[in-house]
PDB file of N, CA and C in Angstrom:
ATOM      1  N   MET A   1     168.275 156.272   1.945  1.00  0.00           N
ATOM      2  CA  MET A   1     166.853 156.102   1.746  1.00  0.00           C
ATOM      3  C   MET A   1     166.390 154.761   2.303  1.00  0.00           C
ATOM      4  N   LEU A   2     167.206 153.749   2.131  1.00  0.00           N
ATOM      5  CA  LEU A   2     166.824 152.437   2.649  1.00  0.00           C
ATOM      6  C   LEU A   2     166.689 152.477   4.169  1.00  0.00           C
ATOM      7  N   THR A   3     167.604 153.163   4.838  1.00  0.00           N
ATOM      8  CA  THR A   3     167.535 153.274   6.289  1.00  0.00           C
ATOM      9  C   THR A   3     166.264 153.984   6.719  1.00  0.00           C
ATOM     10  N   LEU A   4     165.926 155.082   6.050  1.00  0.00           N
ATOM     11  CA  LEU A   4     164.710 155.814   6.397  1.00  0.00           C
ATOM     12  C   LEU A   4     163.463 154.969   6.158  1.00  0.00           C
ATOM     13  N   ALA A   5     163.472 154.169   5.110  1.00  0.00           N
ATOM     14  CA  ALA A   5     162.337 153.278   4.847  1.00  0.00           C
ATOM     15  C   ALA A   5     162.206 152.237   5.951  1.00  0.00           C
ATOM     16  N   CYS A   6     163.314 151.698   6.414  1.00  0.00           N
ATOM     17  CA  CYS A   6     163.279 150.721   7.502  1.00  0.00           C
ATOM     18  C   CYS A   6     162.779 151.359   8.786  1.00  0.00           C
ATOM     19  N   VAL A   7     163.257 152.570   9.085  1.00  0.00           N
ATOM     20  CA  VAL A   7     162.825 153.285  10.286  1.00  0.00           C
ATOM     21  C   VAL A   7     161.333 153.565  10.213  1.00  0.00           C
ATOM     22  N   GLN A   8     160.850 153.991   9.057  1.00  0.00           N
ATOM     23  CA  GLN A   8     159.427 154.278   8.904  1.00  0.00           C
ATOM     24  C   GLN A   8     158.607 153.016   9.154  1.00  0.00           C
ATOM     25  N   THR A   9     159.052 151.904   8.643  1.00  0.00           N
ATOM     26  CA  THR A   9     158.347 150.640   8.847  1.00  0.00           C
ATOM     27  C   THR A   9     158.293 150.275  10.323  1.00  0.00           C
ATOM     28  N   LEU A  10     159.393 150.465  11.042  1.00  0.00           N
ATOM     29  CA  LEU A  10     159.411 150.164  12.475  1.00  0.00           C
ATOM     30  C   LEU A  10     158.496 151.095  13.257  1.00  0.00           C
ATOM     31  N   LEU A  11     158.442 152.362  12.877  1.00  0.00           N
ATOM     32  CA  LEU A  11     157.608 153.327  13.581  1.00  0.00           C
ATOM     33  C   LEU A  11     156.120 153.063  13.367  1.00  0.00           C
ATOM     34  N   ILE A  12     155.763 152.610  12.175  1.00  0.00           N
ATOM     35  CA  ILE A  12     154.363 152.335  11.868  1.00  0.00           C
ATOM     36  C   ILE A  12     153.852 151.168  12.715  1.00  0.00           C
ATOM     37  N   GLY A  13     154.745 150.269  13.096  1.00  0.00           N
ATOM     38  CA  GLY A  13     154.345 149.067  13.817  1.00  0.00           C
ATOM     39  C   GLY A  13     153.921 149.280  15.256  1.00  0.00           C
ATOM     40  N   ALA A  14     154.287 150.418  15.871  1.00  0.00           N
ATOM     41  CA  ALA A  14     153.949 150.613  17.280  1.00  0.00           C
ATOM     42  C   ALA A  14     153.667 152.085  17.560  1.00  0.00           C
ATOM     43  N   ALA A  15     152.641 152.331  18.359  1.00  0.00           N
ATOM     44  CA  ALA A  15     152.321 153.708  18.748  1.00  0.00           C
ATOM     45  C   ALA A  15     153.329 154.202  19.772  1.00  0.00           C
ATOM     46  N   ASN A  16     153.618 155.486  19.726  1.00  0.00           N
ATOM     47  CA  ASN A  16     154.552 156.130  20.659  1.00  0.00           C
ATOM     48  C   ASN A  16     155.923 155.467  20.668  1.00  0.00           C
ATOM     49  N   ALA A  17     156.369 154.980  19.530  1.00  0.00           N
ATOM     50  CA  ALA A  17     157.665 154.322  19.430  1.00  0.00           C
ATOM     51  C   ALA A  17     158.712 155.315  18.947  1.00  0.00           C
ATOM     52  N   SER A  18     159.964 154.981  19.203  1.00  0.00           N
ATOM     53  CA  SER A  18     161.065 155.739  18.615  1.00  0.00           C
ATOM     54  C   SER A  18     162.103 154.742  18.133  1.00  0.00           C
ATOM     55  N   VAL A  19     162.813 155.098  17.090  1.00  0.00           N
ATOM     56  CA  VAL A  19     163.780 154.192  16.486  1.00  0.00           C
ATOM     57  C   VAL A  19     165.083 154.939  16.286  1.00  0.00           C
ATOM     58  N   GLY A  20     166.182 154.333  16.681  1.00  0.00           N
ATOM     59  CA  GLY A  20     167.493 154.921  16.484  1.00  0.00           C
ATOM     60  C   GLY A  20     167.982 154.704  15.062  1.00  0.00           C
ATOM     61  N   ILE A  21     168.389 155.795  14.421  1.00  0.00           N
ATOM     62  CA  ILE A  21     168.876 155.685  13.044  1.00  0.00           C
ATOM     63  C   ILE A  21     170.186 154.907  12.999  1.00  0.00           C
ATOM     64  N   PHE A  22     171.090 155.178  13.942  1.00  0.00           N
ATOM     65  CA  PHE A  22     172.386 154.506  13.919  1.00  0.00           C
ATOM     66  C   PHE A  22     172.257 153.011  14.172  1.00  0.00           C
ATOM     67  N   SER A  23     171.385 152.618  15.103  1.00  0.00           N
ATOM     68  CA  SER A  23     171.237 151.183  15.358  1.00  0.00           C
ATOM     69  C   SER A  23     170.646 150.472  14.148  1.00  0.00           C
ATOM     70  N   THR A  24     169.728 151.138  13.463  1.00  0.00           N
ATOM     71  CA  THR A  24     169.146 150.556  12.250  1.00  0.00           C
ATOM     72  C   THR A  24     170.199 150.426  11.164  1.00  0.00           C
ATOM     73  N   LYS A  25     170.989 151.472  10.962  1.00  0.00           N
ATOM     74  CA  LYS A  25     172.045 151.446   9.938  1.00  0.00           C
ATOM     75  C   LYS A  25     173.111 150.425  10.300  1.00  0.00           C
ATOM     76  N   ARG A  26     173.457 150.339  11.604  1.00  0.00           N
ATOM     77  CA  ARG A  26     174.462 149.367  12.036  1.00  0.00           C
ATOM     78  C   ARG A  26     173.984 147.953  11.736  1.00  0.00           C
ATOM     79  N   ASP A  27     172.705 147.677  11.979  1.00  0.00           N
ATOM     80  CA  ASP A  27     172.154 146.347  11.680  1.00  0.00           C
ATOM     81  C   ASP A  27     172.264 146.032  10.192  1.00  0.00           C
ATOM     82  N   GLU A  28     171.983 147.031   9.348  1.00  0.00           N
ATOM     83  CA  GLU A  28     172.098 146.832   7.898  1.00  0.00           C
ATOM     84  C   GLU A  28     173.548 146.553   7.504  1.00  0.00           C
ATOM     85  N   LEU A  29     174.477 147.342   8.058  1.00  0.00           N
ATOM     86  CA  LEU A  29     175.891 147.154   7.731  1.00  0.00           C
ATOM     87  C   LEU A  29     176.401 145.809   8.226  1.00  0.00           C
ATOM     88  N   ASP A  30     175.986 145.410   9.420  1.00  0.00           N
ATOM     89  CA  ASP A  30     176.406 144.108   9.953  1.00  0.00           C
ATOM     90  C   ASP A  30     175.991 142.966   9.034  1.00  0.00           C
ATOM     91  N   ALA A  31     174.828 143.094   8.427  1.00  0.00           N
ATOM     92  CA  ALA A  31     174.342 142.039   7.533  1.00  0.00           C
ATOM     93  C   ALA A  31     175.110 142.003   6.213  1.00  0.00           C
ATOM     94  N   GLN A  32     175.764 143.120   5.853  1.00  0.00           N
ATOM     95  CA  GLN A  32     176.422 143.208   4.550  1.00  0.00           C
ATOM     96  C   GLN A  32     177.939 143.113   4.609  1.00  0.00           C
ATOM     97  N   THR A  33     178.534 143.192   5.802  1.00  0.00           N
ATOM     98  CA  THR A  33     179.992 143.174   5.913  1.00  0.00           C
ATOM     99  C   THR A  33     180.487 141.850   6.464  1.00  0.00           C
ATOM    100  N   LEU A  34     181.758 141.574   6.222  1.00  0.00           N
ATOM    101  CA  LEU A  34     182.345 140.325   6.697  1.00  0.00           C
ATOM    102  C   LEU A  34     182.696 140.384   8.172  1.00  0.00           C
ATOM    103  N   HIS A  35     183.142 141.549   8.662  1.00  0.00           N
ATOM    104  CA  HIS A  35     183.458 141.707  10.083  1.00  0.00           C
ATOM    105  C   HIS A  35     183.252 143.157  10.490  1.00  0.00           C
ATOM    106  N   ALA A  36     183.018 143.369  11.778  1.00  0.00           N
ATOM    107  CA  ALA A  36     182.654 144.698  12.287  1.00  0.00           C
ATOM    108  C   ALA A  36     183.756 145.740  12.075  1.00  0.00           C
ATOM    109  N   GLY A  37     184.992 145.335  11.919  1.00  0.00           N
ATOM    110  CA  GLY A  37     186.095 146.267  11.721  1.00  0.00           C
ATOM    111  C   GLY A  37     186.109 146.928  10.351  1.00  0.00           C
ATOM    112  N   GLN A  38     185.215 146.550   9.464  1.00  0.00           N
ATOM    113  CA  GLN A  38     185.194 147.110   8.118  1.00  0.00           C
ATOM    114  C   GLN A  38     184.604 148.509   8.062  1.00  0.00           C
ATOM    115  N   TYR A  39     183.930 148.937   9.090  1.00  0.00           N
ATOM    116  CA  TYR A  39     183.292 150.247   9.060  1.00  0.00           C
ATOM    117  C   TYR A  39     183.315 150.874  10.445  1.00  0.00           C
ATOM    118  N   GLN A  40     183.109 152.186  10.455  1.00  0.00           N
ATOM    119  CA  GLN A  40     183.002 152.918  11.713  1.00  0.00           C
ATOM    120  C   GLN A  40     181.901 153.953  11.541  1.00  0.00           C
ATOM    121  N   ILE A  41     180.955 153.983  12.460  1.00  0.00           N
ATOM    122  CA  ILE A  41     179.872 154.962  12.412  1.00  0.00           C
ATOM    123  C   ILE A  41     180.202 156.064  13.410  1.00  0.00           C
ATOM    124  N   VAL A  42     180.230 157.300  12.913  1.00  0.00           N
ATOM    125  CA  VAL A  42     180.558 158.442  13.756  1.00  0.00           C
ATOM    126  C   VAL A  42     179.490 159.508  13.568  1.00  0.00           C
ATOM    127  N   GLY A  43     179.067 160.106  14.655  1.00  0.00           N
ATOM    128  CA  GLY A  43     178.085 161.186  14.561  1.00  0.00           C
ATOM    129  C   GLY A  43     177.215 161.252  15.790  1.00  0.00           C
ATOM    130  N   ALA A  44     176.335 162.205  15.784  1.00  0.00           N
ATOM    131  CA  ALA A  44     175.420 162.386  16.905  1.00  0.00           C
ATOM    132  C   ALA A  44     174.368 161.290  16.911  1.00  0.00           C
ATOM    133  N   VAL A  45     173.914 160.951  18.095  1.00  0.00           N
ATOM    134  CA  VAL A  45     172.836 159.969  18.226  1.00  0.00           C
ATOM    135  C   VAL A  45     171.534 160.621  17.793  1.00  0.00           C
ATOM    136  N   ALA A  46     170.829 159.977  16.911  1.00  0.00           N
ATOM    137  CA  ALA A  46     169.561 160.533  16.414  1.00  0.00           C
ATOM    138  C   ALA A  46     168.475 159.481  16.526  1.00  0.00           C
ATOM    139  N   ARG A  47     167.321 159.905  16.985  1.00  0.00           N
ATOM    140  CA  ARG A  47     166.169 159.012  17.085  1.00  0.00           C
ATOM    141  C   ARG A  47     165.000 159.666  16.380  1.00  0.00           C
ATOM    142  N   LEU A  48     164.235 158.867  15.686  1.00  0.00           N
ATOM    143  CA  LEU A  48     163.020 159.340  15.043  1.00  0.00           C
ATOM    144  C   LEU A  48     161.832 158.811  15.814  1.00  0.00           C
ATOM    145  N   THR A  49     160.836 159.662  15.988  1.00  0.00           N
ATOM    146  CA  THR A  49     159.618 159.266  16.689  1.00  0.00           C
ATOM    147  C   THR A  49     158.426 159.440  15.766  1.00  0.00           C
ATOM    148  N   THR A  50     157.334 158.829  16.152  1.00  0.00           N
ATOM    149  CA  THR A  50     156.114 158.976  15.366  1.00  0.00           C
ATOM    150  C   THR A  50     155.570 160.385  15.531  1.00  0.00           C
ATOM    151  N   VAL A  51     154.864 160.866  14.520  1.00  0.00           N
ATOM    152  CA  VAL A  51     154.261 162.194  14.553  1.00  0.00           C
ATOM    153  C   VAL A  51     152.762 162.017  14.371  1.00  0.00           C
ATOM    154  N   ALA A  52     152.006 162.583  15.281  1.00  0.00           N
ATOM    155  CA  ALA A  52     150.546 162.441  15.205  1.00  0.00           C
ATOM    156  C   ALA A  52     149.984 163.379  14.168  1.00  0.00           C
TER     157      ALA A  52
END
């Protein structure tokens, strides 16, 4: 839920924007972990865009 809230905030800030879910989650994890080797993100690349 926190990731989706962050993505929504980024999308509201700019028209015709898209935000990568994995890059947003990776940024959150980087801020909370001691080193990058503590986690691995696996899955399809997903981007959210604004909806008119």
